Amino acid sequence: MTLNGVQTQGENIADNGGLRETYRGYRDWIEAEKSGTEELRLPGLDLTQDQLLFVNFAQIWCSLYTEQGARNRILTGVHSPGPYRVIGSISNLQEFSDVFGCSATDKMNPSKKCIVW
């Protein structure tokens, strides 16, 4: 099915801006409360805390639907389905591309990013 971007526009903007402010808030906290000292990495996990913030954001939107449930959400919902909420928000953040070292040609690092807030 095709998603209706007009129907989900408000929530897409909120996701985009909310994730941006979440990341900024975390970085501000590191600077102000931790004097710029990064938090320790979790043992056995080869991700930085910044990377974990984005992974956690993506994990929040993991879900399974029946075909009928997915159709209903697409036709009537004001939120994009989870994968599109993640891709849309994350790919519009330069900070995501920076912390994961994305190249200029990576799909998740478009040259034109939508910045609303």
N, C-alpha and C. Protein backbone atom coordinates (compact mmCIF):
# COMPACT_ATOMS: atom_id res chain seq x y z
N MET A 1 0.84 -1.19 0.00
CA MET A 1 0.00 0.00 0.00
C MET A 1 0.88 1.25 0.00
N THR A 2 0.35 2.30 -0.50
CA THR A 2 1.02 3.59 -0.49
C THR A 2 0.62 4.34 0.77
N LEU A 3 1.61 4.93 1.43
CA LEU A 3 1.32 5.73 2.63
C LEU A 3 0.86 7.11 2.23
N ASN A 4 0.03 7.72 3.06
CA ASN A 4 -0.48 9.05 2.82
C ASN A 4 0.33 10.04 3.66
N GLY A 5 1.31 10.69 3.05
CA GLY A 5 2.19 11.60 3.77
C GLY A 5 1.47 12.80 4.36
N VAL A 6 0.39 13.23 3.75
CA VAL A 6 -0.38 14.36 4.29
C VAL A 6 -1.04 13.92 5.59
N GLN A 7 -1.56 12.71 5.60
CA GLN A 7 -2.25 12.17 6.78
C GLN A 7 -1.31 12.04 7.98
N THR A 8 -0.03 11.75 7.72
CA THR A 8 0.94 11.51 8.80
C THR A 8 1.92 12.66 9.00
N GLN A 9 1.75 13.71 8.25
CA GLN A 9 2.71 14.81 8.25
C GLN A 9 3.00 15.39 9.63
N GLY A 10 1.98 15.67 10.40
CA GLY A 10 2.18 16.27 11.72
C GLY A 10 3.01 15.40 12.63
N GLU A 11 2.71 14.11 12.65
CA GLU A 11 3.47 13.19 13.51
C GLU A 11 4.88 12.95 12.96
N ASN A 12 5.03 12.98 11.66
CA ASN A 12 6.37 12.84 11.07
C ASN A 12 7.26 14.01 11.49
N ILE A 13 6.69 15.20 11.47
CA ILE A 13 7.42 16.39 11.90
C ILE A 13 7.76 16.28 13.39
N ALA A 14 6.81 15.81 14.18
CA ALA A 14 7.05 15.67 15.62
C ALA A 14 8.14 14.64 15.90
N ASP A 15 8.13 13.52 15.19
CA ASP A 15 9.18 12.51 15.36
C ASP A 15 10.54 13.08 15.00
N ASN A 16 10.60 13.76 13.88
CA ASN A 16 11.85 14.35 13.40
C ASN A 16 12.41 15.33 14.43
N GLY A 17 11.58 16.27 14.86
CA GLY A 17 12.04 17.27 15.83
C GLY A 17 12.28 16.68 17.20
N GLY A 18 11.44 15.74 17.61
CA GLY A 18 11.60 15.13 18.92
C GLY A 18 12.90 14.36 19.05
N LEU A 19 13.26 13.61 18.04
CA LEU A 19 14.51 12.86 18.07
C LEU A 19 15.70 13.83 18.07
N ARG A 20 15.61 14.88 17.28
CA ARG A 20 16.67 15.88 17.23
C ARG A 20 16.88 16.51 18.62
N GLU A 21 15.81 16.87 19.28
CA GLU A 21 15.91 17.50 20.60
C GLU A 21 16.35 16.49 21.67
N THR A 22 15.94 15.25 21.52
CA THR A 22 16.40 14.21 22.44
C THR A 22 17.91 14.07 22.38
N TYR A 23 18.43 14.00 21.17
CA TYR A 23 19.89 13.86 21.01
C TYR A 23 20.61 15.09 21.55
N ARG A 24 20.10 16.27 21.22
CA ARG A 24 20.72 17.50 21.74
C ARG A 24 20.68 17.55 23.26
N GLY A 25 19.56 17.15 23.83
CA GLY A 25 19.43 17.13 25.29
C GLY A 25 20.43 16.18 25.92
N TYR A 26 20.61 15.02 25.32
CA TYR A 26 21.57 14.05 25.84
C TYR A 26 22.98 14.63 25.78
N ARG A 27 23.34 15.22 24.64
CA ARG A 27 24.68 15.80 24.50
C ARG A 27 24.88 16.97 25.46
N ASP A 28 23.84 17.79 25.66
CA ASP A 28 23.93 18.89 26.63
C ASP A 28 24.15 18.35 28.04
N TRP A 29 23.47 17.24 28.38
CA TRP A 29 23.63 16.63 29.69
C TRP A 29 25.06 16.12 29.88
N ILE A 30 25.61 15.51 28.86
CA ILE A 30 27.00 15.02 28.94
C ILE A 30 27.93 16.21 29.21
N GLU A 31 27.73 17.29 28.52
CA GLU A 31 28.60 18.47 28.69
C GLU A 31 28.42 19.11 30.06
N ALA A 32 27.16 19.30 30.47
CA ALA A 32 26.88 20.03 31.71
C ALA A 32 27.09 19.18 32.97
N GLU A 33 26.59 17.98 32.96
CA GLU A 33 26.60 17.16 34.17
C GLU A 33 27.80 16.23 34.26
N LYS A 34 28.37 15.89 33.13
CA LYS A 34 29.49 14.94 33.12
C LYS A 34 30.79 15.61 32.68
N SER A 35 30.76 16.94 32.58
CA SER A 35 31.92 17.73 32.17
C SER A 35 32.52 17.22 30.86
N GLY A 36 31.66 16.76 29.96
CA GLY A 36 32.11 16.29 28.66
C GLY A 36 32.65 14.87 28.65
N THR A 37 32.67 14.22 29.81
CA THR A 37 33.18 12.85 29.89
C THR A 37 32.10 11.89 29.41
N GLU A 38 32.44 11.12 28.38
CA GLU A 38 31.49 10.16 27.83
C GLU A 38 31.19 9.05 28.83
N GLU A 39 29.99 8.54 28.78
CA GLU A 39 29.63 7.41 29.63
C GLU A 39 30.37 6.16 29.15
N LEU A 40 30.57 5.23 30.05
CA LEU A 40 31.25 3.99 29.70
C LEU A 40 30.40 3.17 28.74
N ARG A 41 31.07 2.44 27.86
CA ARG A 41 30.35 1.54 26.96
C ARG A 41 29.87 0.32 27.73
N LEU A 42 28.79 -0.25 27.27
CA LEU A 42 28.29 -1.47 27.88
C LEU A 42 29.22 -2.63 27.53
N PRO A 43 29.55 -3.46 28.48
CA PRO A 43 30.46 -4.59 28.21
C PRO A 43 29.89 -5.51 27.12
N GLY A 44 30.75 -5.87 26.19
CA GLY A 44 30.36 -6.80 25.14
C GLY A 44 29.55 -6.20 24.02
N LEU A 45 29.32 -4.91 24.06
CA LEU A 45 28.52 -4.26 23.03
C LEU A 45 29.38 -3.20 22.36
N ASP A 46 29.62 -3.36 21.09
CA ASP A 46 30.53 -2.46 20.37
C ASP A 46 29.79 -1.26 19.79
N LEU A 47 29.06 -0.56 20.65
CA LEU A 47 28.35 0.66 20.25
C LEU A 47 28.62 1.75 21.27
N THR A 48 28.73 2.98 20.78
CA THR A 48 28.87 4.11 21.69
C THR A 48 27.51 4.43 22.30
N GLN A 49 27.51 5.27 23.32
CA GLN A 49 26.25 5.69 23.92
C GLN A 49 25.41 6.49 22.92
N ASP A 50 26.06 7.29 22.09
CA ASP A 50 25.33 8.04 21.07
C ASP A 50 24.65 7.08 20.09
N GLN A 51 25.39 6.06 19.66
CA GLN A 51 24.81 5.07 18.76
C GLN A 51 23.64 4.34 19.43
N LEU A 52 23.78 4.01 20.70
CA LEU A 52 22.71 3.32 21.43
C LEU A 52 21.44 4.16 21.50
N LEU A 53 21.58 5.47 21.60
CA LEU A 53 20.41 6.34 21.62
C LEU A 53 19.59 6.13 20.35
N PHE A 54 20.25 6.11 19.20
CA PHE A 54 19.54 5.92 17.93
C PHE A 54 19.01 4.50 17.78
N VAL A 55 19.76 3.51 18.23
CA VAL A 55 19.29 2.12 18.17
C VAL A 55 18.04 1.97 19.04
N ASN A 56 18.05 2.59 20.21
CA ASN A 56 16.89 2.52 21.09
C ASN A 56 15.68 3.18 20.45
N PHE A 57 15.88 4.33 19.82
CA PHE A 57 14.78 4.99 19.13
C PHE A 57 14.17 4.05 18.10
N ALA A 58 15.01 3.37 17.34
CA ALA A 58 14.52 2.44 16.31
C ALA A 58 13.79 1.26 16.95
N GLN A 59 14.33 0.76 18.04
CA GLN A 59 13.74 -0.42 18.69
C GLN A 59 12.34 -0.13 19.21
N ILE A 60 12.09 1.08 19.63
CA ILE A 60 10.77 1.45 20.15
C ILE A 60 9.67 1.15 19.13
N TRP A 61 9.99 1.31 17.85
CA TRP A 61 8.96 1.19 16.82
C TRP A 61 8.91 -0.20 16.18
N CYS A 62 9.61 -1.18 16.75
CA CYS A 62 9.51 -2.56 16.26
C CYS A 62 8.13 -3.10 16.63
N SER A 63 7.43 -3.66 15.68
CA SER A 63 6.11 -4.21 15.95
C SER A 63 5.70 -5.16 14.84
N LEU A 64 4.73 -5.99 15.13
CA LEU A 64 4.16 -6.91 14.15
C LEU A 64 2.67 -6.64 14.05
N TYR A 65 2.15 -6.70 12.85
CA TYR A 65 0.73 -6.51 12.62
C TYR A 65 0.23 -7.61 11.70
N THR A 66 -1.04 -7.92 11.83
CA THR A 66 -1.66 -8.76 10.81
C THR A 66 -1.80 -7.89 9.56
N GLU A 67 -2.04 -8.52 8.43
CA GLU A 67 -2.22 -7.74 7.20
C GLU A 67 -3.40 -6.78 7.34
N GLN A 68 -4.47 -7.24 7.95
CA GLN A 68 -5.65 -6.39 8.13
C GLN A 68 -5.33 -5.24 9.09
N GLY A 69 -4.60 -5.52 10.16
CA GLY A 69 -4.23 -4.47 11.11
C GLY A 69 -3.34 -3.42 10.47
N ALA A 70 -2.39 -3.87 9.65
CA ALA A 70 -1.49 -2.93 8.96
C ALA A 70 -2.28 -2.06 8.00
N ARG A 71 -3.19 -2.68 7.25
CA ARG A 71 -4.03 -1.91 6.32
C ARG A 71 -4.84 -0.85 7.05
N ASN A 72 -5.44 -1.24 8.14
CA ASN A 72 -6.26 -0.32 8.92
C ASN A 72 -5.43 0.85 9.43
N ARG A 73 -4.26 0.56 9.94
CA ARG A 73 -3.39 1.64 10.45
C ARG A 73 -2.96 2.58 9.33
N ILE A 74 -2.66 2.03 8.17
CA ILE A 74 -2.24 2.87 7.04
C ILE A 74 -3.39 3.75 6.56
N LEU A 75 -4.59 3.19 6.53
CA LEU A 75 -5.74 3.94 6.03
C LEU A 75 -6.27 4.98 7.02
N THR A 76 -6.15 4.70 8.32
CA THR A 76 -6.80 5.58 9.30
C THR A 76 -5.84 6.25 10.28
N GLY A 77 -4.62 5.77 10.38
CA GLY A 77 -3.70 6.27 11.40
C GLY A 77 -3.04 7.58 11.03
N VAL A 78 -2.66 8.33 12.05
CA VAL A 78 -1.93 9.59 11.84
C VAL A 78 -0.42 9.37 11.99
N HIS A 79 -0.03 8.15 12.33
CA HIS A 79 1.39 7.81 12.44
C HIS A 79 1.80 6.92 11.27
N SER A 80 2.98 7.16 10.74
CA SER A 80 3.54 6.24 9.74
C SER A 80 3.84 4.92 10.42
N PRO A 81 3.85 3.81 9.69
CA PRO A 81 4.27 2.55 10.27
C PRO A 81 5.70 2.67 10.81
N GLY A 82 5.99 1.89 11.85
CA GLY A 82 7.26 1.97 12.56
C GLY A 82 8.50 2.10 11.70
N PRO A 83 8.71 1.22 10.72
CA PRO A 83 9.94 1.34 9.93
C PRO A 83 10.10 2.70 9.26
N TYR A 84 8.99 3.28 8.82
CA TYR A 84 9.06 4.58 8.15
C TYR A 84 9.26 5.72 9.14
N ARG A 85 8.74 5.55 10.36
CA ARG A 85 9.00 6.55 11.40
C ARG A 85 10.49 6.59 11.69
N VAL A 86 11.11 5.43 11.74
CA VAL A 86 12.54 5.35 12.04
C VAL A 86 13.36 5.90 10.88
N ILE A 87 13.12 5.38 9.69
CA ILE A 87 13.91 5.80 8.52
C ILE A 87 13.77 7.31 8.30
N GLY A 88 12.56 7.82 8.37
CA GLY A 88 12.34 9.24 8.13
C GLY A 88 13.05 10.12 9.14
N SER A 89 12.93 9.78 10.40
CA SER A 89 13.55 10.62 11.45
C SER A 89 15.07 10.51 11.44
N ILE A 90 15.56 9.30 11.42
CA ILE A 90 17.01 9.09 11.53
C ILE A 90 17.76 9.60 10.30
N SER A 91 17.21 9.36 9.12
CA SER A 91 17.94 9.77 7.91
C SER A 91 17.98 11.29 7.75
N ASN A 92 17.16 12.02 8.50
CA ASN A 92 17.18 13.48 8.45
C ASN A 92 18.10 14.11 9.48
N LEU A 93 18.81 13.30 10.25
CA LEU A 93 19.70 13.82 11.28
C LEU A 93 21.16 13.64 10.89
N GLN A 94 21.85 14.72 10.72
CA GLN A 94 23.28 14.65 10.42
C GLN A 94 24.03 13.96 11.56
N GLU A 95 23.54 14.15 12.78
CA GLU A 95 24.18 13.53 13.94
C GLU A 95 24.17 12.01 13.84
N PHE A 96 23.10 11.43 13.32
CA PHE A 96 23.05 9.98 13.11
C PHE A 96 24.16 9.56 12.15
N SER A 97 24.25 10.26 11.03
CA SER A 97 25.28 9.94 10.04
C SER A 97 26.67 10.08 10.62
N ASP A 98 26.86 11.08 11.46
CA ASP A 98 28.17 11.31 12.08
C ASP A 98 28.55 10.19 13.05
N VAL A 99 27.63 9.82 13.95
CA VAL A 99 28.01 8.83 14.97
C VAL A 99 28.15 7.43 14.40
N PHE A 100 27.53 7.15 13.26
CA PHE A 100 27.69 5.84 12.63
C PHE A 100 28.68 5.88 11.47
N GLY A 101 29.25 7.04 11.19
CA GLY A 101 30.25 7.15 10.13
C GLY A 101 29.70 6.83 8.75
N CYS A 102 28.48 7.27 8.47
CA CYS A 102 27.86 7.00 7.17
C CYS A 102 28.59 7.76 6.07
N SER A 103 28.72 7.12 4.93
CA SER A 103 29.34 7.80 3.79
C SER A 103 28.29 8.65 3.08
N ALA A 104 28.74 9.51 2.21
CA ALA A 104 27.84 10.41 1.48
C ALA A 104 26.88 9.63 0.57
N THR A 105 27.20 8.39 0.25
CA THR A 105 26.35 7.61 -0.65
C THR A 105 25.44 6.63 0.08
N ASP A 106 25.53 6.56 1.40
CA ASP A 106 24.67 5.64 2.15
C ASP A 106 23.21 6.06 2.07
N LYS A 107 22.33 5.09 1.95
CA LYS A 107 20.89 5.35 1.83
C LYS A 107 20.35 6.13 3.03
N MET A 108 20.88 5.84 4.20
CA MET A 108 20.40 6.52 5.41
C MET A 108 21.05 7.89 5.61
N ASN A 109 21.78 8.37 4.62
CA ASN A 109 22.45 9.66 4.71
C ASN A 109 22.20 10.49 3.45
N PRO A 110 20.94 10.88 3.21
CA PRO A 110 20.67 11.67 2.01
C PRO A 110 21.35 13.03 2.08
N SER A 111 21.70 13.55 0.93
CA SER A 111 22.39 14.85 0.91
C SER A 111 21.44 15.98 1.33
N LYS A 112 20.16 15.85 1.05
CA LYS A 112 19.17 16.85 1.47
C LYS A 112 18.40 16.28 2.65
N LYS A 113 18.53 16.96 3.78
CA LYS A 113 17.86 16.52 4.99
C LYS A 113 16.76 17.52 5.35
N CYS A 114 15.66 17.01 5.86
CA CYS A 114 14.54 17.85 6.26
C CYS A 114 14.72 18.26 7.72
N ILE A 115 14.89 19.55 7.95
CA ILE A 115 15.05 20.08 9.30
C ILE A 115 13.94 21.08 9.54
N VAL A 116 13.05 20.75 10.47
CA VAL A 116 11.91 21.61 10.73
C VAL A 116 12.13 22.43 12.01
N TRP A 117 12.61 21.76 13.07
CA TRP A 117 12.82 22.44 14.35
C TRP A 117 14.27 22.72 14.52
